């Protein structure tokens, strides 16, 4: 059976008590969510990529995910991203270069965007 890394990361964030009460979704922020409500969105930057080759076959996959935090409170964005960073490290993911930290006047929210790279264990099917 094939595994799904996006679901695994979503579940890890959902299970964390410090993130309870925060809307966590994949791909995009729900339109039904109020403008003043904080959200976390997990976005795959691309499909899993083959890595760790041997005997003419891929033995593992590399993943790249963007995690967006939006809030009307800049400090809350940073605190949530700090907690997310720890959860991602527990899942074997580490922050890559780039990202975004700014106030977006059109939506009246601060946005903190970070990208994380991780790799599956050898022989796991993703």
C-alpha atoms as a PDB file:
ATOM      1  CA  UNK A   1       0.000   0.000   0.000  1.00  0.00           C
ATOM      2  CA  UNK A   2       1.282   3.457  -0.882  1.00  0.00           C
ATOM      3  CA  UNK A   3       1.857   5.986   1.882  1.00  0.00           C
ATOM      4  CA  UNK A   4       0.907   9.674   1.753  1.00  0.00           C
ATOM      5  CA  UNK A   5       3.377  12.105   3.326  1.00  0.00           C
ATOM      6  CA  UNK A   6       0.947  15.047   3.158  1.00  0.00           C
ATOM      7  CA  UNK A   7      -1.542  13.138   5.326  1.00  0.00           C
ATOM      8  CA  UNK A   8       1.218  12.159   7.753  1.00  0.00           C
ATOM      9  CA  UNK A   9       2.315  15.796   8.160  1.00  0.00           C
ATOM     10  CA  UNK A  10      -1.284  17.010   8.467  1.00  0.00           C
ATOM     11  CA  UNK A  11      -1.950  14.422  11.191  1.00  0.00           C
ATOM     12  CA  UNK A  12       1.219  15.408  13.081  1.00  0.00           C
ATOM     13  CA  UNK A  13       0.120  19.069  13.120  1.00  0.00           C
ATOM     14  CA  UNK A  14      -3.484  18.205  14.053  1.00  0.00           C
ATOM     15  CA  UNK A  15      -2.351  16.045  16.985  1.00  0.00           C
ATOM     16  CA  UNK A  16      -0.305  18.840  18.573  1.00  0.00           C
ATOM     17  CA  UNK A  17      -2.178  20.413  21.500  1.00  0.00           C
ATOM     18  CA  UNK A  18      -0.576  23.831  21.010  1.00  0.00           C
ATOM     19  CA  UNK A  19      -2.145  24.023  17.531  1.00  0.00           C
ATOM     20  CA  UNK A  20      -5.647  23.011  18.652  1.00  0.00           C
ATOM     21  CA  UNK A  21      -8.257  25.548  17.658  1.00  0.00           C
ATOM     22  CA  UNK A  22      -6.235  26.628  14.600  1.00  0.00           C
ATOM     23  CA  UNK A  23      -7.634  25.750  11.175  1.00  0.00           C
ATOM     24  CA  UNK A  24      -5.150  23.396   9.460  1.00  0.00           C
ATOM     25  CA  UNK A  25      -5.786  22.591   5.801  1.00  0.00           C
ATOM     26  CA  UNK A  26      -3.903  21.462   2.731  1.00  0.00           C
ATOM     27  CA  UNK A  27      -3.500  23.335  -0.552  1.00  0.00           C
ATOM     28  CA  UNK A  28      -5.449  26.526   0.311  1.00  0.00           C
ATOM     29  CA  UNK A  29      -7.034  28.497   3.121  1.00  0.00           C
ATOM     30  CA  UNK A  30     -10.773  27.741   3.353  1.00  0.00           C
ATOM     31  CA  UNK A  31     -12.871  30.585   1.961  1.00  0.00           C
ATOM     32  CA  UNK A  32     -15.412  29.955   4.727  1.00  0.00           C
ATOM     33  CA  UNK A  33     -12.837  30.819   7.404  1.00  0.00           C
ATOM     34  CA  UNK A  34     -13.359  34.276   8.910  1.00  0.00           C
ATOM     35  CA  UNK A  35     -10.917  37.016   7.922  1.00  0.00           C
ATOM     36  CA  UNK A  36      -9.719  37.416  11.512  1.00  0.00           C
ATOM     37  CA  UNK A  37      -9.136  33.693  12.094  1.00  0.00           C
ATOM     38  CA  UNK A  38      -5.660  32.205  12.107  1.00  0.00           C
ATOM     39  CA  UNK A  39      -4.848  29.421   9.662  1.00  0.00           C
ATOM     40  CA  UNK A  40      -2.117  26.961   8.715  1.00  0.00           C
ATOM     41  CA  UNK A  41      -1.927  25.675   5.143  1.00  0.00           C
ATOM     42  CA  UNK A  42       0.319  22.814   3.967  1.00  0.00           C
ATOM     43  CA  UNK A  43       1.181  22.927   0.258  1.00  0.00           C
ATOM     44  CA  UNK A  44       3.259  20.323  -1.598  1.00  0.00           C
ATOM     45  CA  UNK A  45       5.769  22.254  -3.732  1.00  0.00           C
ATOM     46  CA  UNK A  46       5.926  19.317  -6.135  1.00  0.00           C
ATOM     47  CA  UNK A  47       5.492  15.559  -6.290  1.00  0.00           C
ATOM     48  CA  UNK A  48       7.780  13.228  -4.325  1.00  0.00           C
ATOM     49  CA  UNK A  49      11.165  12.993  -6.069  1.00  0.00           C
ATOM     50  CA  UNK A  50      13.256   9.860  -6.451  1.00  0.00           C
ATOM     51  CA  UNK A  51      16.454   9.755  -4.419  1.00  0.00           C
ATOM     52  CA  UNK A  52      18.920   7.229  -2.963  1.00  0.00           C
ATOM     53  CA  UNK A  53      19.254   5.039  -6.049  1.00  0.00           C
ATOM     54  CA  UNK A  54      20.646   1.516  -6.093  1.00  0.00           C
ATOM     55  CA  UNK A  55      20.486  -1.401  -8.547  1.00  0.00           C
ATOM     56  CA  UNK A  56      18.754   0.830 -11.105  1.00  0.00           C
ATOM     57  CA  UNK A  57      15.868   1.654  -8.783  1.00  0.00           C
ATOM     58  CA  UNK A  58      14.859   4.479  -6.452  1.00  0.00           C
ATOM     59  CA  UNK A  59      15.133   3.480  -2.813  1.00  0.00           C
ATOM     60  CA  UNK A  60      13.613   6.587  -1.190  1.00  0.00           C
ATOM     61  CA  UNK A  61      11.744   9.812  -1.943  1.00  0.00           C
ATOM     62  CA  UNK A  62      12.488  13.457  -1.190  1.00  0.00           C
ATOM     63  CA  UNK A  63       9.603  15.788  -0.307  1.00  0.00           C
ATOM     64  CA  UNK A  64       9.280  19.577  -0.370  1.00  0.00           C
ATOM     65  CA  UNK A  65       6.395  21.286   1.470  1.00  0.00           C
ATOM     66  CA  UNK A  66       5.483  24.931   1.985  1.00  0.00           C
ATOM     67  CA  UNK A  67       3.698  25.803   5.218  1.00  0.00           C
ATOM     68  CA  UNK A  68       1.816  29.104   5.392  1.00  0.00           C
ATOM     69  CA  UNK A  69       0.643  30.675   8.633  1.00  0.00           C
ATOM     70  CA  UNK A  70      -1.768  33.608   8.365  1.00  0.00           C
ATOM     71  CA  UNK A  71      -2.890  35.698  11.337  1.00  0.00           C
ATOM     72  CA  UNK A  72      -3.875  39.241  12.254  1.00  0.00           C
ATOM     73  CA  UNK A  73      -1.139  39.007  14.921  1.00  0.00           C
ATOM     74  CA  UNK A  74       2.476  38.995  13.661  1.00  0.00           C
ATOM     75  CA  UNK A  75       3.875  37.458  16.854  1.00  0.00           C
ATOM     76  CA  UNK A  76       1.315  34.647  16.722  1.00  0.00           C
ATOM     77  CA  UNK A  77       2.559  33.780  13.202  1.00  0.00           C
ATOM     78  CA  UNK A  78       6.112  33.498  14.500  1.00  0.00           C
ATOM     79  CA  UNK A  79       5.120  31.461  17.566  1.00  0.00           C
ATOM     80  CA  UNK A  80       3.106  29.028  15.453  1.00  0.00           C
ATOM     81  CA  UNK A  81       5.900  28.654  12.910  1.00  0.00           C
ATOM     82  CA  UNK A  82       8.296  27.949  15.785  1.00  0.00           C
ATOM     83  CA  UNK A  83       6.074  25.102  16.964  1.00  0.00           C
ATOM     84  CA  UNK A  84       5.583  23.852  13.393  1.00  0.00           C
ATOM     85  CA  UNK A  85       9.366  23.840  12.918  1.00  0.00           C
ATOM     86  CA  UNK A  86       9.746  21.473  15.898  1.00  0.00           C
ATOM     87  CA  UNK A  87       6.993  19.179  14.615  1.00  0.00           C
ATOM     88  CA  UNK A  88       8.564  19.117  11.156  1.00  0.00           C
ATOM     89  CA  UNK A  89      11.961  18.258  12.672  1.00  0.00           C
ATOM     90  CA  UNK A  90      10.314  15.345  14.500  1.00  0.00           C
ATOM     91  CA  UNK A  91       9.049  14.188  11.090  1.00  0.00           C
ATOM     92  CA  UNK A  92      12.542  14.447   9.564  1.00  0.00           C
ATOM     93  CA  UNK A  93      11.964  17.751   7.736  1.00  0.00           C
ATOM     94  CA  UNK A  94      14.210  20.809   7.858  1.00  0.00           C
ATOM     95  CA  UNK A  95      13.682  24.374   6.681  1.00  0.00           C
ATOM     96  CA  UNK A  96      15.142  25.381   3.321  1.00  0.00           C
ATOM     97  CA  UNK A  97      16.097  28.811   1.999  1.00  0.00           C
ATOM     98  CA  UNK A  98      13.473  31.321   1.033  1.00  0.00           C
ATOM     99  CA  UNK A  99      10.078  32.000   2.463  1.00  0.00           C
ATOM    100  CA  UNK A 100       8.023  35.072   3.164  1.00  0.00           C
ATOM    101  CA  UNK A 101       7.264  37.214   6.178  1.00  0.00           C
ATOM    102  CA  UNK A 102       5.066  40.225   5.561  1.00  0.00           C
ATOM    103  CA  UNK A 103       1.842  42.101   6.145  1.00  0.00           C
ATOM    104  CA  UNK A 104      -0.559  41.793   3.211  1.00  0.00           C
ATOM    105  CA  UNK A 105      -2.886  44.825   3.208  1.00  0.00           C
ATOM    106  CA  UNK A 106      -5.423  43.294   0.795  1.00  0.00           C
ATOM    107  CA  UNK A 107      -6.267  40.487   3.226  1.00  0.00           C
ATOM    108  CA  UNK A 108      -5.330  42.387   6.421  1.00  0.00           C
ATOM    109  CA  UNK A 109      -3.206  39.524   7.753  1.00  0.00           C
ATOM    110  CA  UNK A 110       0.412  38.773   8.446  1.00  0.00           C
ATOM    111  CA  UNK A 111       1.825  35.854   6.504  1.00  0.00           C
ATOM    112  CA  UNK A 112       4.799  33.707   7.513  1.00  0.00           C
ATOM    113  CA  UNK A 113       5.698  31.169   4.816  1.00  0.00           C
ATOM    114  CA  UNK A 114       8.427  28.552   5.214  1.00  0.00           C
ATOM    115  CA  UNK A 115       9.535  25.632   3.072  1.00  0.00           C
ATOM    116  CA  UNK A 116      10.681  22.287   4.457  1.00  0.00           C
ATOM    117  CA  UNK A 117      12.564  19.413   2.823  1.00  0.00           C
ATOM    118  CA  UNK A 118      12.499  15.825   4.046  1.00  0.00           C
ATOM    119  CA  UNK A 119      13.220  12.315   2.877  1.00  0.00           C
ATOM    120  CA  UNK A 120      11.435   9.007   3.348  1.00  0.00           C
ATOM    121  CA  UNK A 121      13.132   6.053   4.966  1.00  0.00           C
ATOM    122  CA  UNK A 122      14.669   3.563   2.554  1.00  0.00           C
ATOM    123  CA  UNK A 123      12.232   1.148   0.900  1.00  0.00           C
ATOM    124  CA  UNK A 124       9.081   3.030   1.983  1.00  0.00           C
ATOM    125  CA  UNK A 125       6.540   3.404  -0.826  1.00  0.00           C
ATOM    126  CA  UNK A 126       5.332   6.959  -1.438  1.00  0.00           C
END
